[in-house]
Protein backbone atom coordinates (compact mmCIF):
# COMPACT_ATOMS: atom_id res chain seq x y z
CA MET A 1 -2.99 7.23 30.76
CA THR A 2 -3.12 3.61 29.59
CA THR A 3 -0.32 1.07 29.73
CA PHE A 4 -0.29 -1.95 27.45
CA THR A 5 1.39 -4.77 29.39
CA ASN A 6 2.59 -8.25 28.48
CA ALA A 7 2.84 -7.26 24.80
CA ARG A 8 5.18 -8.45 22.06
CA LEU A 9 6.48 -5.04 21.00
CA ILE A 10 7.26 -5.05 17.27
CA ASP A 11 9.72 -2.21 16.66
CA PRO A 12 10.40 -1.67 12.93
CA GLU A 13 13.03 0.98 13.65
CA ALA A 14 15.23 -1.08 15.99
CA LEU A 15 14.11 -4.33 14.27
CA THR A 16 13.31 -5.90 17.64
CA ASP A 17 10.55 -8.25 18.79
CA GLU A 18 10.40 -8.54 22.59
CA ILE A 19 7.95 -8.76 25.46
CA GLY A 20 7.44 -5.40 27.15
CA TRP A 21 5.03 -2.59 28.00
CA LEU A 22 4.02 0.68 26.38
CA THR A 23 2.22 3.70 27.83
CA ILE A 24 0.04 6.18 25.93
CA GLU A 25 -1.37 9.48 27.14
CA ASN A 26 -3.15 12.30 25.29
CA GLY A 27 -2.76 10.49 21.98
CA VAL A 28 1.03 10.08 22.26
CA ILE A 29 3.37 7.28 23.32
CA THR A 30 4.91 8.49 26.57
CA ALA A 31 6.99 5.54 27.76
CA ARG A 32 7.95 1.95 26.97
CA GLY A 33 10.16 -0.70 28.47
CA THR A 34 10.75 -4.37 29.17
CA GLY A 35 10.80 -4.39 32.96
CA THR A 36 8.10 -3.67 35.51
CA PRO A 37 5.41 -1.41 34.04
CA PRO A 38 4.33 1.80 35.79
CA THR A 39 1.23 1.87 37.97
CA GLY A 40 -2.10 3.00 36.54
CA ASP A 41 -4.64 1.65 34.06
CA HIS A 42 -3.28 -1.52 32.51
CA MET A 43 -4.40 -3.45 29.44
CA ASP A 44 -3.01 -6.98 29.41
CA CYS A 45 -2.16 -7.90 25.82
CA GLY A 46 -1.79 -11.59 26.68
CA GLY A 47 1.53 -11.91 24.87
CA LYS A 48 0.05 -10.78 21.55
CA CYS A 49 1.83 -8.43 19.15
CA LEU A 50 1.63 -4.64 19.54
CA ALA A 51 3.01 -2.71 16.57
CA PRO A 52 2.74 0.69 14.87
CA GLY A 53 -0.43 1.01 12.81
CA ILE A 54 0.03 0.16 9.14
CA VAL A 55 0.59 3.08 6.75
CA ASP A 56 -1.03 1.91 3.51
CA LEU A 57 0.36 3.73 0.47
CA GLY A 58 -1.90 3.53 -2.59
CA VAL A 59 -5.48 3.03 -1.38
CA LYS A 60 -8.29 3.78 -3.81
CA VAL A 61 -11.35 5.33 -2.19
CA SER A 62 -13.96 5.83 -4.87
CA GLU A 63 -14.96 9.36 -3.92
CA PRO A 64 -15.71 11.39 -5.94
CA GLY A 65 -17.56 9.57 -8.69
CA GLU A 66 -17.99 5.93 -7.66
CA ARG A 67 -19.13 6.08 -4.06
CA HIS A 68 -21.12 2.86 -4.53
CA LYS A 69 -17.79 0.99 -4.73
CA GLU A 70 -16.15 2.52 -1.65
CA SER A 71 -16.66 5.58 0.53
CA PHE A 72 -14.36 7.17 3.07
CA ALA A 73 -16.64 5.84 5.81
CA SER A 74 -16.52 2.22 4.60
CA ALA A 75 -12.81 2.38 3.75
CA GLY A 76 -12.08 3.79 7.20
CA ARG A 77 -13.92 0.92 8.89
CA ALA A 78 -12.12 -1.61 6.69
CA ALA A 79 -8.76 0.00 7.44
CA ALA A 80 -9.36 -0.05 11.19
CA ALA A 81 -10.40 -3.72 11.05
CA GLY A 82 -7.18 -4.46 9.15
CA GLY A 83 -4.82 -2.60 11.49
CA VAL A 84 -4.32 0.25 9.01
CA THR A 85 -4.18 3.56 10.90
CA THR A 86 -3.15 5.76 7.95
CA MET A 87 -4.45 5.53 4.38
CA ILE A 88 -2.65 7.29 1.52
CA THR A 89 -5.30 7.60 -1.16
CA ARG A 90 -4.84 7.55 -4.92
CA PRO A 91 -6.13 10.25 -7.30
CA ASP A 92 -7.60 7.84 -9.89
CA THR A 93 -11.16 8.88 -9.08
CA LEU A 94 -13.97 10.29 -11.23
CA ALA A 95 -13.03 13.08 -11.65
CA ALA A 96 -9.31 12.84 -10.97
CA ILE A 97 -7.93 14.72 -7.98
CA ASP A 98 -6.06 17.33 -10.00
CA THR A 99 -7.24 20.71 -8.64
CA PRO A 100 -7.07 22.32 -5.18
CA GLU A 101 -10.87 22.32 -5.09
CA THR A 102 -11.15 18.57 -5.64
CA LEU A 103 -8.38 17.95 -3.13
CA GLU A 104 -10.17 20.15 -0.60
CA PHE A 105 -13.38 18.16 -1.16
CA VAL A 106 -11.82 14.75 -0.45
CA THR A 107 -9.84 16.16 2.48
CA ARG A 108 -13.02 17.49 4.05
CA ARG A 109 -14.95 14.29 3.35
CA ALA A 110 -12.20 12.11 4.81
CA SER A 111 -11.86 14.22 7.94
CA THR A 112 -15.57 13.86 8.73
CA ASP A 113 -16.23 10.27 7.57
CA ALA A 114 -13.07 8.19 8.08
CA ILE A 115 -12.09 6.88 11.52
CA VAL A 116 -8.40 6.58 10.57
CA ASN A 117 -5.83 9.09 9.34
CA VAL A 118 -6.12 9.91 5.63
CA HIS A 119 -3.63 11.70 3.39
CA HIS A 120 -4.15 12.29 -0.31
CA MET A 121 -2.04 12.08 -3.43
CA SER A 122 -2.63 14.36 -6.39
CA ALA A 123 -2.61 13.53 -10.06
CA LEU A 124 0.63 14.48 -11.80
CA THR A 125 -1.05 15.64 -14.99
CA LYS A 126 -4.50 17.12 -15.55
CA GLY A 127 -7.11 14.41 -15.85
CA ARG A 128 -4.25 11.88 -15.65
CA GLU A 129 -4.06 12.32 -19.43
CA GLY A 130 -0.30 12.87 -19.65
CA GLN A 131 -0.55 16.15 -21.55
CA GLU A 132 -0.28 19.02 -19.05
CA MET A 133 1.07 18.92 -15.51
CA VAL A 134 -1.08 19.99 -12.58
CA GLU A 135 -0.26 23.02 -10.45
CA ILE A 136 2.19 21.05 -8.34
CA GLY A 137 3.04 23.92 -6.00
CA PHE A 138 -0.60 24.77 -5.31
CA MET A 139 -1.54 21.12 -4.82
CA LYS A 140 1.34 20.59 -2.40
CA ASP A 141 0.28 23.68 -0.44
CA ALA A 142 -3.26 22.27 -0.37
CA GLY A 143 -2.00 19.10 1.31
CA ALA A 144 -1.02 16.64 -1.43
CA VAL A 145 1.65 14.30 -0.07
CA ALA A 146 2.75 12.94 -3.48
CA PHE A 147 1.96 13.15 -7.20
CA THR A 148 1.01 10.26 -9.45
CA ASP A 149 -1.03 9.38 -12.51
CA CYS A 150 -1.32 5.83 -11.12
CA ASP A 151 -1.56 3.26 -13.92
CA HIS A 152 -1.91 5.95 -16.61
CA VAL A 153 1.75 6.07 -17.60
CA VAL A 154 2.86 9.41 -19.03
CA GLY A 155 4.07 8.39 -22.46
CA ASN A 156 5.46 11.77 -23.54
CA ALA A 157 8.94 11.95 -22.01
CA LYS A 158 9.17 15.71 -22.59
CA VAL A 159 5.98 16.33 -20.60
CA LEU A 160 7.20 14.01 -17.86
CA VAL A 161 10.63 15.67 -17.64
CA ARG A 162 8.93 19.06 -17.29
CA ALA A 163 6.70 17.75 -14.50
CA LEU A 164 9.58 16.03 -12.70
CA THR A 165 11.73 19.16 -12.90
CA TYR A 166 8.95 21.26 -11.41
CA ALA A 167 8.31 18.64 -8.71
CA ARG A 168 12.01 18.71 -7.84
CA SER A 169 11.89 22.49 -7.41
CA CYS A 170 8.92 22.06 -5.03
CA ASN A 171 10.59 19.20 -3.14
CA ALA A 172 7.62 17.00 -4.08
CA LEU A 173 7.58 13.20 -4.28
CA VAL A 174 6.50 11.67 -7.59
CA ILE A 175 5.14 8.12 -7.75
CA GLY A 176 5.35 6.25 -11.03
CA HIS A 177 3.95 3.01 -12.44
CA PRO A 178 6.82 1.17 -14.18
CA GLN A 179 5.33 -0.17 -17.39
CA ASP A 180 5.78 0.39 -21.07
CA PRO A 181 2.20 1.53 -21.83
CA THR A 182 2.07 0.28 -25.41
CA LEU A 183 3.29 -3.23 -24.58
CA SER A 184 1.05 -3.60 -21.54
CA GLN A 185 -2.10 -2.17 -23.12
CA GLY A 186 -4.95 -4.67 -23.05
CA ALA A 187 -2.94 -7.33 -21.22
CA ALA A 188 -4.75 -9.59 -18.76
CA ALA A 189 -1.92 -11.96 -17.85
CA THR A 190 1.86 -12.33 -17.86
CA SER A 191 3.23 -13.91 -21.01
CA GLY A 192 4.25 -17.53 -20.76
CA LYS A 193 2.92 -21.07 -20.98
CA PHE A 194 -0.04 -20.45 -18.64
CA ALA A 195 -1.33 -17.41 -20.55
CA THR A 196 -0.89 -19.21 -23.87
CA LEU A 197 -2.82 -22.27 -22.70
CA ARG A 198 -5.62 -20.08 -21.36
CA GLY A 199 -5.70 -17.93 -24.49
CA LEU A 200 -5.28 -14.70 -22.52
CA PRO A 201 -3.77 -11.49 -23.93
CA ALA A 202 -0.44 -11.21 -22.16
CA VAL A 203 2.41 -8.82 -21.51
CA SER A 204 6.10 -9.65 -21.19
CA PRO A 205 7.85 -8.89 -17.88
CA MET A 206 10.20 -6.80 -20.03
CA ALA A 207 7.49 -4.12 -20.22
CA GLU A 208 8.12 -3.44 -16.54
CA ARG A 209 11.88 -3.50 -17.08
CA MET A 210 11.57 -1.00 -19.94
CA GLY A 211 9.37 1.27 -17.83
CA ILE A 212 11.72 1.33 -14.87
CA ASP A 213 14.76 1.91 -17.11
CA ARG A 214 13.12 4.93 -18.70
CA ASP A 215 11.96 6.43 -15.42
CA ILE A 216 15.35 5.99 -13.75
CA ALA A 217 16.94 7.83 -16.67
CA LEU A 218 14.51 10.71 -16.16
CA VAL A 219 15.24 10.70 -12.42
CA GLU A 220 18.93 11.04 -13.29
CA ILE A 221 18.15 13.99 -15.55
CA THR A 222 15.95 15.84 -13.05
CA GLY A 223 17.12 14.76 -9.58
CA VAL A 224 13.50 14.30 -8.44
CA SER A 225 12.42 12.18 -5.48
CA TYR A 226 10.76 9.14 -7.06
CA HIS A 227 8.88 6.09 -5.84
CA PHE A 228 7.85 3.11 -8.01
CA ASP A 229 4.39 2.03 -6.88
CA GLN A 230 4.74 -1.66 -7.79
CA ILE A 231 7.77 -3.70 -8.74
CA THR A 232 6.56 -7.19 -9.61
CA THR A 233 9.20 -8.90 -11.78
CA ALA A 234 12.74 -10.10 -11.13
CA ARG A 235 13.90 -8.34 -14.30
CA ALA A 236 13.13 -4.95 -12.74
CA LEU A 237 15.29 -5.48 -9.65
CA PRO A 238 18.80 -4.97 -11.14
CA PRO A 239 18.09 -1.43 -12.46
CA LEU A 240 16.45 -0.54 -9.14
CA GLU A 241 19.51 -1.78 -7.28
CA ARG A 242 21.83 0.21 -9.57
CA ALA A 243 19.76 3.37 -9.13
CA LYS A 244 20.03 3.12 -5.36
CA ALA A 245 23.75 2.36 -5.56
CA ASN A 246 24.19 5.48 -7.71
CA GLY A 247 22.64 7.60 -4.97
CA PHE A 248 19.38 8.46 -6.75
CA ASP A 249 16.47 9.35 -4.47
CA VAL A 250 14.50 6.27 -5.53
CA THR A 251 12.34 3.84 -3.57
CA ALA A 252 9.98 1.07 -4.62
CA GLY A 253 6.89 -0.76 -3.43
CA VAL A 254 5.08 -4.01 -4.10
CA SER A 255 1.50 -5.09 -3.51
CA ILE A 256 0.57 -7.84 -1.08
CA HIS A 257 -1.03 -9.76 -3.95
CA HIS A 258 2.24 -9.99 -5.88
CA LEU A 259 3.98 -11.22 -2.72
CA THR A 260 1.50 -13.98 -1.88
CA LEU A 261 -0.11 -15.07 -5.18
CA ASN A 262 1.14 -16.12 -8.61
CA GLU A 263 -0.22 -16.47 -12.13
CA LEU A 264 -1.47 -20.02 -11.54
CA ASP A 265 -3.94 -18.75 -8.94
CA VAL A 266 -6.02 -17.36 -11.79
CA GLY A 267 -6.97 -21.00 -12.43
CA ASP A 268 -10.10 -21.22 -14.53
CA TYR A 269 -10.39 -17.50 -15.25
CA ARG A 270 -11.20 -16.37 -11.68
CA THR A 271 -11.60 -12.62 -12.10
CA PHE A 272 -11.03 -11.77 -8.41
CA PHE A 273 -7.40 -12.65 -9.19
CA LYS A 274 -7.20 -10.13 -12.02
CA VAL A 275 -5.02 -7.27 -10.83
CA LYS A 276 -2.75 -4.73 -12.46
CA PRO A 277 0.05 -5.53 -13.18
CA PRO A 278 -1.11 -9.12 -13.74
CA LEU A 279 0.03 -11.82 -11.32
CA ARG A 280 3.51 -13.06 -12.14
CA SER A 281 5.37 -16.38 -12.12
CA GLU A 282 6.32 -18.11 -8.87
CA ASP A 283 9.98 -17.26 -9.54
CA ASP A 284 9.05 -13.58 -9.76
CA ARG A 285 7.00 -13.81 -6.56
CA LEU A 286 9.89 -15.34 -4.65
CA ALA A 287 12.24 -12.67 -6.01
CA MET A 288 9.88 -9.97 -4.68
CA VAL A 289 9.75 -11.61 -1.24
CA GLU A 290 13.55 -11.73 -1.12
CA ALA A 291 13.78 -8.09 -2.25
CA VAL A 292 11.50 -7.02 0.60
CA ALA A 293 13.41 -9.12 3.12
CA ASN A 294 16.77 -7.58 2.13
CA GLY A 295 15.39 -4.04 1.89
CA LEU A 296 15.74 -3.51 -1.85
CA ILE A 297 11.96 -3.07 -2.08
CA ASP A 298 11.00 -0.56 0.58
CA VAL A 299 7.21 -0.65 0.87
CA ILE A 300 4.42 -3.24 0.97
CA SER A 301 0.95 -1.89 0.27
CA SER A 302 -2.53 -3.28 -0.25
CA MET A 303 -3.15 -1.45 -3.55
CA HIS A 304 -6.78 -1.57 -2.40
CA THR A 305 -8.93 -1.27 -5.55
CA PRO A 306 -12.66 -1.82 -5.04
CA GLN A 307 -14.72 -3.03 -8.00
CA ASP A 308 -18.42 -3.83 -8.04
CA GLU A 309 -19.86 -7.26 -8.85
CA GLU A 310 -20.94 -6.22 -12.34
CA SER A 311 -17.42 -5.24 -13.39
CA LYS A 312 -16.00 -8.56 -12.18
CA ARG A 313 -18.73 -10.87 -13.49
CA LEU A 314 -17.39 -10.69 -17.00
CA PRO A 315 -15.05 -12.81 -19.13
CA PHE A 316 -11.55 -12.59 -17.67
CA GLU A 317 -10.24 -10.49 -20.52
CA GLU A 318 -13.02 -7.90 -20.10
CA ALA A 319 -13.28 -7.84 -16.29
CA ALA A 320 -12.01 -4.86 -14.29
CA SER A 321 -8.64 -5.17 -12.59
CA GLY A 322 -8.14 -4.80 -8.88
CA ALA A 323 -8.92 -6.28 -5.47
CA VAL A 324 -9.91 -4.96 -2.06
CA ALA A 325 -7.18 -5.56 0.51
CA LEU A 326 -7.38 -3.18 3.48
CA GLU A 327 -8.60 -5.99 5.75
CA THR A 328 -6.57 -8.79 4.16
CA LEU A 329 -3.20 -7.03 4.05
CA LEU A 330 -2.12 -8.12 7.53
CA PRO A 331 -3.22 -11.78 7.48
CA ALA A 332 -1.94 -12.24 3.93
CA ALA A 333 1.43 -10.77 4.98
CA MET A 334 1.53 -13.28 7.85
CA ARG A 335 1.96 -15.98 5.21
CA LEU A 336 5.47 -14.65 4.64
CA VAL A 337 6.24 -14.67 8.37
CA HIS A 338 4.93 -18.19 8.93
CA ALA A 339 6.98 -19.38 5.95
CA ASP A 340 10.11 -17.89 7.63
CA GLN A 341 10.67 -15.63 4.63
CA ILE A 342 10.64 -12.39 6.61
CA THR A 343 10.65 -11.33 10.26
CA LEU A 344 7.81 -9.38 11.86
CA PRO A 345 9.96 -6.26 12.50
CA MET A 346 11.19 -6.24 8.89
CA LEU A 347 7.65 -6.75 7.64
CA TRP A 348 6.46 -3.80 9.70
CA ARG A 349 9.34 -1.69 8.45
CA ALA A 350 7.95 -2.20 4.92
CA MET A 351 4.27 -1.79 5.87
CA SER A 352 4.54 1.08 8.34
CA LEU A 353 7.89 2.79 8.97
CA ASN A 354 9.17 3.08 5.40
CA PRO A 355 6.00 4.50 3.81
CA ALA A 356 5.69 7.02 6.66
CA ARG A 357 9.30 8.12 6.25
CA ARG A 358 9.02 8.34 2.47
CA LEU A 359 6.05 10.68 2.77
CA GLY A 360 7.44 12.65 5.70
CA LEU A 361 4.64 11.58 8.06
CA ASP A 362 4.86 11.33 11.82
CA ALA A 363 3.87 7.66 11.96
CA GLY A 364 5.17 4.13 11.67
CA THR A 365 7.07 3.91 14.96
CA ILE A 366 6.53 3.06 18.62
CA GLU A 367 9.25 5.39 19.87
CA VAL A 368 8.44 7.69 22.79
CA GLY A 369 6.84 10.89 21.47
CA ALA A 370 5.28 9.22 18.43
CA PRO A 371 1.50 9.33 17.86
CA ALA A 372 -0.34 6.46 19.57
CA ASP A 373 -1.38 4.84 16.27
CA LEU A 374 -1.21 1.15 17.19
CA VAL A 375 -2.42 -2.29 16.18
CA LEU A 376 -2.74 -5.26 18.52
CA PHE A 377 -2.89 -8.59 16.69
CA ASP A 378 -2.56 -12.32 17.11
CA PRO A 379 -0.18 -13.50 14.36
CA ASP A 380 -1.19 -17.15 14.72
CA GLN A 381 -4.99 -17.13 15.02
CA PRO A 382 -6.45 -19.08 12.08
CA PHE A 383 -9.67 -18.26 10.26
CA VAL A 384 -11.39 -18.75 6.92
CA LEU A 385 -12.06 -15.49 5.13
CA ASP A 386 -15.64 -14.71 4.18
CA ARG A 387 -15.68 -11.84 1.70
CA PHE A 388 -19.21 -10.87 2.71
CA ALA A 389 -17.96 -10.15 6.24
CA LEU A 390 -15.56 -7.47 4.97
CA ASN A 391 -16.29 -3.84 5.83
CA SER A 392 -15.56 -2.60 2.31
CA LYS A 393 -18.58 -1.89 0.13
CA SER A 394 -17.01 -3.97 -2.64
CA LYS A 395 -16.17 -7.61 -1.93
CA ASN A 396 -13.70 -8.39 -4.73
CA THR A 397 -10.99 -10.23 -2.78
CA PRO A 398 -8.90 -13.12 -4.14
CA PHE A 399 -8.70 -14.51 -0.58
CA ASP A 400 -12.40 -15.42 -0.34
CA GLY A 401 -12.59 -18.83 1.31
CA ALA A 402 -8.85 -18.89 1.97
CA ARG A 403 -7.41 -20.20 5.23
CA LEU A 404 -5.44 -17.35 6.78
CA GLN A 405 -3.58 -16.68 10.02
CA GLY A 406 -3.36 -13.33 11.77
CA ARG A 407 -6.27 -11.59 13.44
CA VAL A 408 -6.44 -7.90 14.40
CA LEU A 409 -7.61 -7.60 18.01
CA GLY A 410 -7.57 -3.82 18.37
CA THR A 411 -6.64 -0.64 16.51
CA TRP A 412 -5.93 2.77 18.04
CA VAL A 413 -5.63 6.13 16.26
CA ALA A 414 -4.15 8.96 18.35
CA GLY A 415 -4.86 6.86 21.42
CA ASN A 416 -8.55 6.33 20.60
CA ARG A 417 -9.69 2.78 19.99
CA VAL A 418 -11.33 2.55 16.57
CA PHE A 419 -11.58 -1.24 16.30
CA GLY A 420 -12.03 -4.07 18.80
CA GLU A 421 -13.75 -4.31 22.13
């Protein structure tokens, strides 16, 4: 039995932030309080924050097919260093995770190599090609927690309706990428003055609005449980709000990059800032922050997408999209807290409690009886990020050289310390 004392307990369920103590035993939280702690082994947290481990929805681990970019071992170390105790991995691998055999392979590899919890999503259609749905029932039985084709938007509405209907019958969660695929094809920036001056192929924010409108209509037809992986523009918020008001089983997420960066950060074609969807205007960024703070957007994720140096050292238009973010998610999110745009408990509701609830996982809380998946962190400790110090195999972070605040001091998974001394 171990008792964490003198800790700022961040409770995303009760939305409280108070000094107290918490006891773990046999991998489970057994007691907590704000008075005198029980006798036994104590760990003095020095007034630092103790919160549920982050549940990161939408991590790309490049196994199978591109293990040189990221493996389950390296991703697990990066997650632990970033306070992420549960990774929900994407199926956009080579080959796609679209059969029980492939799912069994990554499940086995993750269980032996990763030091944090790992759950896997399945592709929605075979090869993520949008032509034929996967065996949703078999994949769910094999352990898939959700179904998504990631950024390969299913363009054929009839195929998508068939897949959503079948997913509804299996009580399966579908995750969609709200974009009109024809408008967004080949885009490297968001349309506007900046993209025009830089001569970059751009996409209108309306492409996201059109994508979310279509998908909400299909949700209404089928009654499926649906999650939008990334909402990034203010234009997409009104239909999301209407869908929730109409009682549809719809939730939405946003990446940490779209909450903390904007289109001007691309500067002189810096490819580490090339992500998908492209970075948006400052007005859109502020709208996303407000939507998270008021609960309209439910989930914040890293959208961790490792890319090797060769795929980034290209002209901006040709460079691969994506950034690593398992280790930068927490300190980047602290920017919102230090700017008084969101409270720590509300932030942790979006980064831990809500994704766990959406996927039906026993995680994201510090209530008695919950798994002892915890992160201890100093929200104020400053540092300058060195991308070469990251645990990920790939080093493509837009925060290289950035001054950040928020340092993970320790991470526990099922009561076992996996990061920190």
